[in-house]
Amino acid sequence: MRHILILMLFLGSLLRSQSSDEYSIGLNDKLGYFGIMSKSWIKHQSSSRESYIVAGSTLFFLGGIGYGQKYYFYKGKRLSSYSSLTGSGWYVLGIGAAGSLNITGSIGLDFKILEWKENKLLVQFGVISMYDPLRGESLVLAGEGGPSFLMPSINIKFNRGKK
């Protein structure tokens, strides 16, 4: 638990100089169900890659904070395909509170719905896989008849650029 607190303090200190903010509602491609409502601080952005710090929560009982990289295979005006990898710490509050680490990998598509000035509204669709290296178990909520290591990722994102 002490390592997670140190990780959160370290990541919080890096938030001073970001190029844009991204808000997400839905099954997040960075934190999964640990961040149904999340905010990402995009630290570096180029035509094919971005690095970010993300923090999110689900009804305040689940949550996480982490750092990751997103790589774009194709970045068009309306449609972009990507893969991302995020390392994060997560928590669950309740009678038996718990916390651990998470490695999240995802692949998906970003659809740009609206764009004005330096702001964007996007819809993201993809698949996500989550693994806890400390406990040695998958964190994916497996569906019946589907692969036990993948689950869908669908969310709406609002990206606010910096001037």
C-alpha atoms as a PDB file:
ATOM      1  CA  MET A   1       0.000   0.000   0.000  1.00  0.00           C
ATOM      2  CA  ARG A   2       2.936   2.319   0.712  1.00  0.00           C
ATOM      3  CA  HIS A   3       4.246   1.800  -2.846  1.00  0.00           C
ATOM      4  CA  ILE A   4       0.887   2.841  -4.312  1.00  0.00           C
ATOM      5  CA  LEU A   5       0.877   6.040  -2.233  1.00  0.00           C
ATOM      6  CA  ILE A   6       4.425   6.896  -3.380  1.00  0.00           C
ATOM      7  CA  LEU A   7       3.406   6.216  -7.011  1.00  0.00           C
ATOM      8  CA  MET A   8       0.380   8.517  -6.688  1.00  0.00           C
ATOM      9  CA  LEU A   9       2.471  11.328  -5.160  1.00  0.00           C
ATOM     10  CA  PHE A  10       5.117  10.985  -7.877  1.00  0.00           C
ATOM     11  CA  LEU A  11       2.572  11.029 -10.699  1.00  0.00           C
ATOM     12  CA  GLY A  12       0.773  13.984  -9.120  1.00  0.00           C
ATOM     13  CA  SER A  13       3.990  16.013  -9.174  1.00  0.00           C
ATOM     14  CA  LEU A  14       4.315  15.499 -12.934  1.00  0.00           C
ATOM     15  CA  LEU A  15       1.000  17.250 -13.713  1.00  0.00           C
ATOM     16  CA  ARG A  16       2.452  20.738 -13.986  1.00  0.00           C
ATOM     17  CA  SER A  17       3.196  20.852 -17.725  1.00  0.00           C
ATOM     18  CA  GLN A  18       0.719  19.051 -19.946  1.00  0.00           C
ATOM     19  CA  SER A  19      -0.248  19.790 -23.548  1.00  0.00           C
ATOM     20  CA  SER A  20      -3.970  18.984 -23.156  1.00  0.00           C
ATOM     21  CA  ASP A  21      -6.625  17.511 -20.854  1.00  0.00           C
ATOM     22  CA  GLU A  22      -8.931  14.627 -21.739  1.00  0.00           C
ATOM     23  CA  TYR A  23     -12.131  13.758 -19.857  1.00  0.00           C
ATOM     24  CA  SER A  24     -13.750  10.351 -20.344  1.00  0.00           C
ATOM     25  CA  ILE A  25     -17.063   8.768 -19.352  1.00  0.00           C
ATOM     26  CA  GLY A  26     -17.552   5.062 -19.966  1.00  0.00           C
ATOM     27  CA  LEU A  27     -15.471   1.894 -19.879  1.00  0.00           C
ATOM     28  CA  ASN A  28     -12.101   3.608 -20.221  1.00  0.00           C
ATOM     29  CA  ASP A  29      -9.358   2.352 -22.543  1.00  0.00           C
ATOM     30  CA  LYS A  30      -6.718   3.387 -19.977  1.00  0.00           C
ATOM     31  CA  LEU A  31      -8.088   2.230 -16.604  1.00  0.00           C
ATOM     32  CA  GLY A  32     -10.979  -0.051 -17.590  1.00  0.00           C
ATOM     33  CA  TYR A  33     -13.726  -0.265 -14.980  1.00  0.00           C
ATOM     34  CA  PHE A  34     -11.450   1.449 -12.410  1.00  0.00           C
ATOM     35  CA  GLY A  35     -12.039   4.727 -14.255  1.00  0.00           C
ATOM     36  CA  ILE A  36     -15.615   5.013 -15.542  1.00  0.00           C
ATOM     37  CA  MET A  37     -15.179   8.769 -14.966  1.00  0.00           C
ATOM     38  CA  SER A  38     -11.584   9.812 -15.592  1.00  0.00           C
ATOM     39  CA  LYS A  39      -9.263  12.642 -16.496  1.00  0.00           C
ATOM     40  CA  SER A  40      -6.039  12.304 -18.470  1.00  0.00           C
ATOM     41  CA  TRP A  41      -3.273  14.864 -18.569  1.00  0.00           C
ATOM     42  CA  ILE A  42      -1.554  14.428 -21.927  1.00  0.00           C
ATOM     43  CA  LYS A  43       2.122  15.214 -21.365  1.00  0.00           C
ATOM     44  CA  HIS A  44       3.556  14.759 -24.862  1.00  0.00           C
ATOM     45  CA  GLN A  45       1.717  14.468 -28.156  1.00  0.00           C
ATOM     46  CA  SER A  46       3.033  13.884 -31.678  1.00  0.00           C
ATOM     47  CA  SER A  47       1.445  12.639 -34.886  1.00  0.00           C
ATOM     48  CA  SER A  48       1.858   8.980 -33.924  1.00  0.00           C
ATOM     49  CA  ARG A  49       2.322   8.875 -30.141  1.00  0.00           C
ATOM     50  CA  GLU A  50       1.203  10.424 -26.874  1.00  0.00           C
ATOM     51  CA  SER A  51       2.110   9.920 -23.227  1.00  0.00           C
ATOM     52  CA  TYR A  52      -0.344  10.607 -20.417  1.00  0.00           C
ATOM     53  CA  ILE A  53      -1.111  10.467 -16.725  1.00  0.00           C
ATOM     54  CA  VAL A  54      -4.624   9.273 -15.921  1.00  0.00           C
ATOM     55  CA  ALA A  55      -6.759   9.315 -12.774  1.00  0.00           C
ATOM     56  CA  GLY A  56     -10.273   7.973 -12.493  1.00  0.00           C
ATOM     57  CA  SER A  57     -12.982   6.605 -10.284  1.00  0.00           C
ATOM     58  CA  THR A  58     -16.173   4.558 -10.419  1.00  0.00           C
ATOM     59  CA  LEU A  59     -18.685   5.834  -7.861  1.00  0.00           C
ATOM     60  CA  PHE A  60     -15.696   6.545  -5.542  1.00  0.00           C
ATOM     61  CA  PHE A  61     -15.586   2.861  -4.499  1.00  0.00           C
ATOM     62  CA  LEU A  62     -13.204   1.853  -7.300  1.00  0.00           C
ATOM     63  CA  GLY A  63     -10.440   3.991  -8.715  1.00  0.00           C
ATOM     64  CA  GLY A  64      -6.922   4.266  -9.996  1.00  0.00           C
ATOM     65  CA  ILE A  65      -4.080   6.469 -11.188  1.00  0.00           C
ATOM     66  CA  GLY A  66      -1.411   5.620 -13.729  1.00  0.00           C
ATOM     67  CA  TYR A  67       0.932   6.498 -16.575  1.00  0.00           C
ATOM     68  CA  GLY A  68       0.767   5.235 -20.139  1.00  0.00           C
ATOM     69  CA  GLN A  69       1.594   5.552 -23.810  1.00  0.00           C
ATOM     70  CA  LYS A  70      -0.750   5.558 -26.784  1.00  0.00           C
ATOM     71  CA  TYR A  71       0.523   4.677 -30.280  1.00  0.00           C
ATOM     72  CA  TYR A  72      -1.497   5.563 -33.372  1.00  0.00           C
ATOM     73  CA  PHE A  73      -1.392   3.187 -36.347  1.00  0.00           C
ATOM     74  CA  TYR A  74      -3.407   5.645 -38.447  1.00  0.00           C
ATOM     75  CA  LYS A  75      -4.504   9.160 -37.510  1.00  0.00           C
ATOM     76  CA  GLY A  76      -7.048  10.670 -39.894  1.00  0.00           C
ATOM     77  CA  LYS A  77      -9.368  13.658 -39.763  1.00  0.00           C
ATOM     78  CA  ARG A  78     -12.317  11.685 -38.325  1.00  0.00           C
ATOM     79  CA  LEU A  79     -11.034   8.147 -37.601  1.00  0.00           C
ATOM     80  CA  SER A  80      -7.886   7.016 -35.803  1.00  0.00           C
ATOM     81  CA  SER A  81      -6.705   3.517 -34.854  1.00  0.00           C
ATOM     82  CA  TYR A  82      -4.441   2.998 -31.856  1.00  0.00           C
ATOM     83  CA  SER A  83      -2.966   0.719 -29.224  1.00  0.00           C
ATOM     84  CA  SER A  84      -2.183   1.780 -25.666  1.00  0.00           C
ATOM     85  CA  LEU A  85      -0.385   0.424 -22.634  1.00  0.00           C
ATOM     86  CA  THR A  86      -0.958   1.801 -19.108  1.00  0.00           C
ATOM     87  CA  GLY A  87       0.602   0.930 -15.770  1.00  0.00           C
ATOM     88  CA  SER A  88      -1.526   1.959 -12.805  1.00  0.00           C
ATOM     89  CA  GLY A  89      -2.325   1.521  -9.155  1.00  0.00           C
ATOM     90  CA  TRP A  90      -5.943   0.702  -8.237  1.00  0.00           C
ATOM     91  CA  TYR A  91      -8.083   0.610  -5.117  1.00  0.00           C
ATOM     92  CA  VAL A  92     -11.400  -0.854  -4.001  1.00  0.00           C
ATOM     93  CA  LEU A  93     -13.099   0.623  -0.928  1.00  0.00           C
ATOM     94  CA  GLY A  94     -15.601  -1.261   1.181  1.00  0.00           C
ATOM     95  CA  ILE A  95     -15.594  -3.703   4.068  1.00  0.00           C
ATOM     96  CA  GLY A  96     -12.532  -5.463   2.688  1.00  0.00           C
ATOM     97  CA  ALA A  97     -10.596  -2.562   1.136  1.00  0.00           C
ATOM     98  CA  ALA A  98      -7.878  -3.587  -1.302  1.00  0.00           C
ATOM     99  CA  GLY A  99      -5.329  -2.086  -3.630  1.00  0.00           C
ATOM    100  CA  SER A 100      -2.733  -3.323  -6.086  1.00  0.00           C
ATOM    101  CA  LEU A 101      -1.122  -2.659  -9.464  1.00  0.00           C
ATOM    102  CA  ASN A 102      -2.563  -3.073 -12.950  1.00  0.00           C
ATOM    103  CA  ILE A 103      -1.182  -3.342 -16.472  1.00  0.00           C
ATOM    104  CA  THR A 104      -3.783  -2.401 -19.085  1.00  0.00           C
ATOM    105  CA  GLY A 105      -3.415  -2.972 -22.806  1.00  0.00           C
ATOM    106  CA  SER A 106      -5.975  -1.867 -25.367  1.00  0.00           C
ATOM    107  CA  ILE A 107      -6.503  -1.571 -29.092  1.00  0.00           C
ATOM    108  CA  GLY A 108      -9.283   0.428 -30.687  1.00  0.00           C
ATOM    109  CA  LEU A 109     -10.690   3.235 -32.818  1.00  0.00           C
ATOM    110  CA  ASP A 110     -11.298   6.909 -32.024  1.00  0.00           C
ATOM    111  CA  PHE A 111     -14.167   8.584 -33.936  1.00  0.00           C
ATOM    112  CA  LYS A 112     -14.041  12.380 -33.903  1.00  0.00           C
ATOM    113  CA  ILE A 113     -17.614  13.664 -33.622  1.00  0.00           C
ATOM    114  CA  LEU A 114     -17.022  17.424 -33.197  1.00  0.00           C
ATOM    115  CA  GLU A 115     -14.026  19.723 -33.340  1.00  0.00           C
ATOM    116  CA  TRP A 116     -13.954  23.419 -32.514  1.00  0.00           C
ATOM    117  CA  LYS A 117     -10.975  25.654 -31.767  1.00  0.00           C
ATOM    118  CA  GLU A 118      -8.642  23.344 -29.821  1.00  0.00           C
ATOM    119  CA  ASN A 119     -11.411  21.114 -28.406  1.00  0.00           C
ATOM    120  CA  LYS A 120     -12.619  17.696 -29.600  1.00  0.00           C
ATOM    121  CA  LEU A 121     -15.502  15.360 -28.800  1.00  0.00           C
ATOM    122  CA  LEU A 122     -14.686  11.705 -29.546  1.00  0.00           C
ATOM    123  CA  VAL A 123     -16.296   8.288 -29.231  1.00  0.00           C
ATOM    124  CA  GLN A 124     -13.883   5.430 -28.590  1.00  0.00           C
ATOM    125  CA  PHE A 125     -14.499   1.723 -29.307  1.00  0.00           C
ATOM    126  CA  GLY A 126     -12.050  -1.093 -28.677  1.00  0.00           C
ATOM    127  CA  VAL A 127     -11.012  -4.107 -26.649  1.00  0.00           C
ATOM    128  CA  ILE A 128      -9.088  -4.057 -23.392  1.00  0.00           C
ATOM    129  CA  SER A 129      -7.111  -6.536 -21.307  1.00  0.00           C
ATOM    130  CA  MET A 130      -6.144  -5.965 -17.659  1.00  0.00           C
ATOM    131  CA  TYR A 131      -3.636  -7.902 -15.531  1.00  0.00           C
ATOM    132  CA  ASP A 132      -2.526  -7.566 -11.890  1.00  0.00           C
ATOM    133  CA  PRO A 133       1.174  -8.563 -11.734  1.00  0.00           C
ATOM    134  CA  LEU A 134       1.304  -8.629  -7.908  1.00  0.00           C
ATOM    135  CA  ARG A 135      -1.610 -11.033  -7.533  1.00  0.00           C
ATOM    136  CA  GLY A 136      -0.921 -12.866 -10.793  1.00  0.00           C
ATOM    137  CA  GLU A 137      -4.501 -12.668 -12.043  1.00  0.00           C
ATOM    138  CA  SER A 138      -6.527 -11.176 -14.845  1.00  0.00           C
ATOM    139  CA  LEU A 139      -8.803  -8.279 -13.879  1.00  0.00           C
ATOM    140  CA  VAL A 140     -11.060  -8.702 -16.922  1.00  0.00           C
ATOM    141  CA  LEU A 141     -14.768  -9.280 -16.354  1.00  0.00           C
ATOM    142  CA  ALA A 142     -15.119 -12.226 -18.724  1.00  0.00           C
ATOM    143  CA  GLY A 143     -18.328 -12.681 -20.692  1.00  0.00           C
ATOM    144  CA  GLU A 144     -20.055 -15.952 -21.338  1.00  0.00           C
ATOM    145  CA  GLY A 145     -18.760 -17.681 -24.465  1.00  0.00           C
ATOM    146  CA  GLY A 146     -16.116 -15.040 -25.228  1.00  0.00           C
ATOM    147  CA  PRO A 147     -12.396 -14.838 -24.565  1.00  0.00           C
ATOM    148  CA  SER A 148     -11.609 -14.662 -20.848  1.00  0.00           C
ATOM    149  CA  PHE A 149      -8.762 -12.156 -21.325  1.00  0.00           C
ATOM    150  CA  LEU A 150     -10.612  -9.426 -23.319  1.00  0.00           C
ATOM    151  CA  MET A 151     -13.544  -7.120 -22.698  1.00  0.00           C
ATOM    152  CA  PRO A 152     -14.999  -4.213 -24.692  1.00  0.00           C
ATOM    153  CA  SER A 153     -14.022  -0.607 -24.133  1.00  0.00           C
ATOM    154  CA  ILE A 154     -16.622   2.017 -25.112  1.00  0.00           C
ATOM    155  CA  ASN A 155     -16.566   5.626 -23.925  1.00  0.00           C
ATOM    156  CA  ILE A 156     -17.093   9.280 -24.810  1.00  0.00           C
ATOM    157  CA  LYS A 157     -14.108  11.615 -24.559  1.00  0.00           C
ATOM    158  CA  PHE A 158     -13.800  15.381 -24.430  1.00  0.00           C
ATOM    159  CA  ASN A 159     -10.309  16.642 -25.270  1.00  0.00           C
ATOM    160  CA  ARG A 160      -9.479  20.207 -24.280  1.00  0.00           C
ATOM    161  CA  GLY A 161      -6.330  21.540 -25.931  1.00  0.00           C
ATOM    162  CA  LYS A 162      -3.995  24.089 -24.373  1.00  0.00           C
ATOM    163  CA  LYS A 163      -3.061  27.374 -26.007  1.00  0.00           C
END
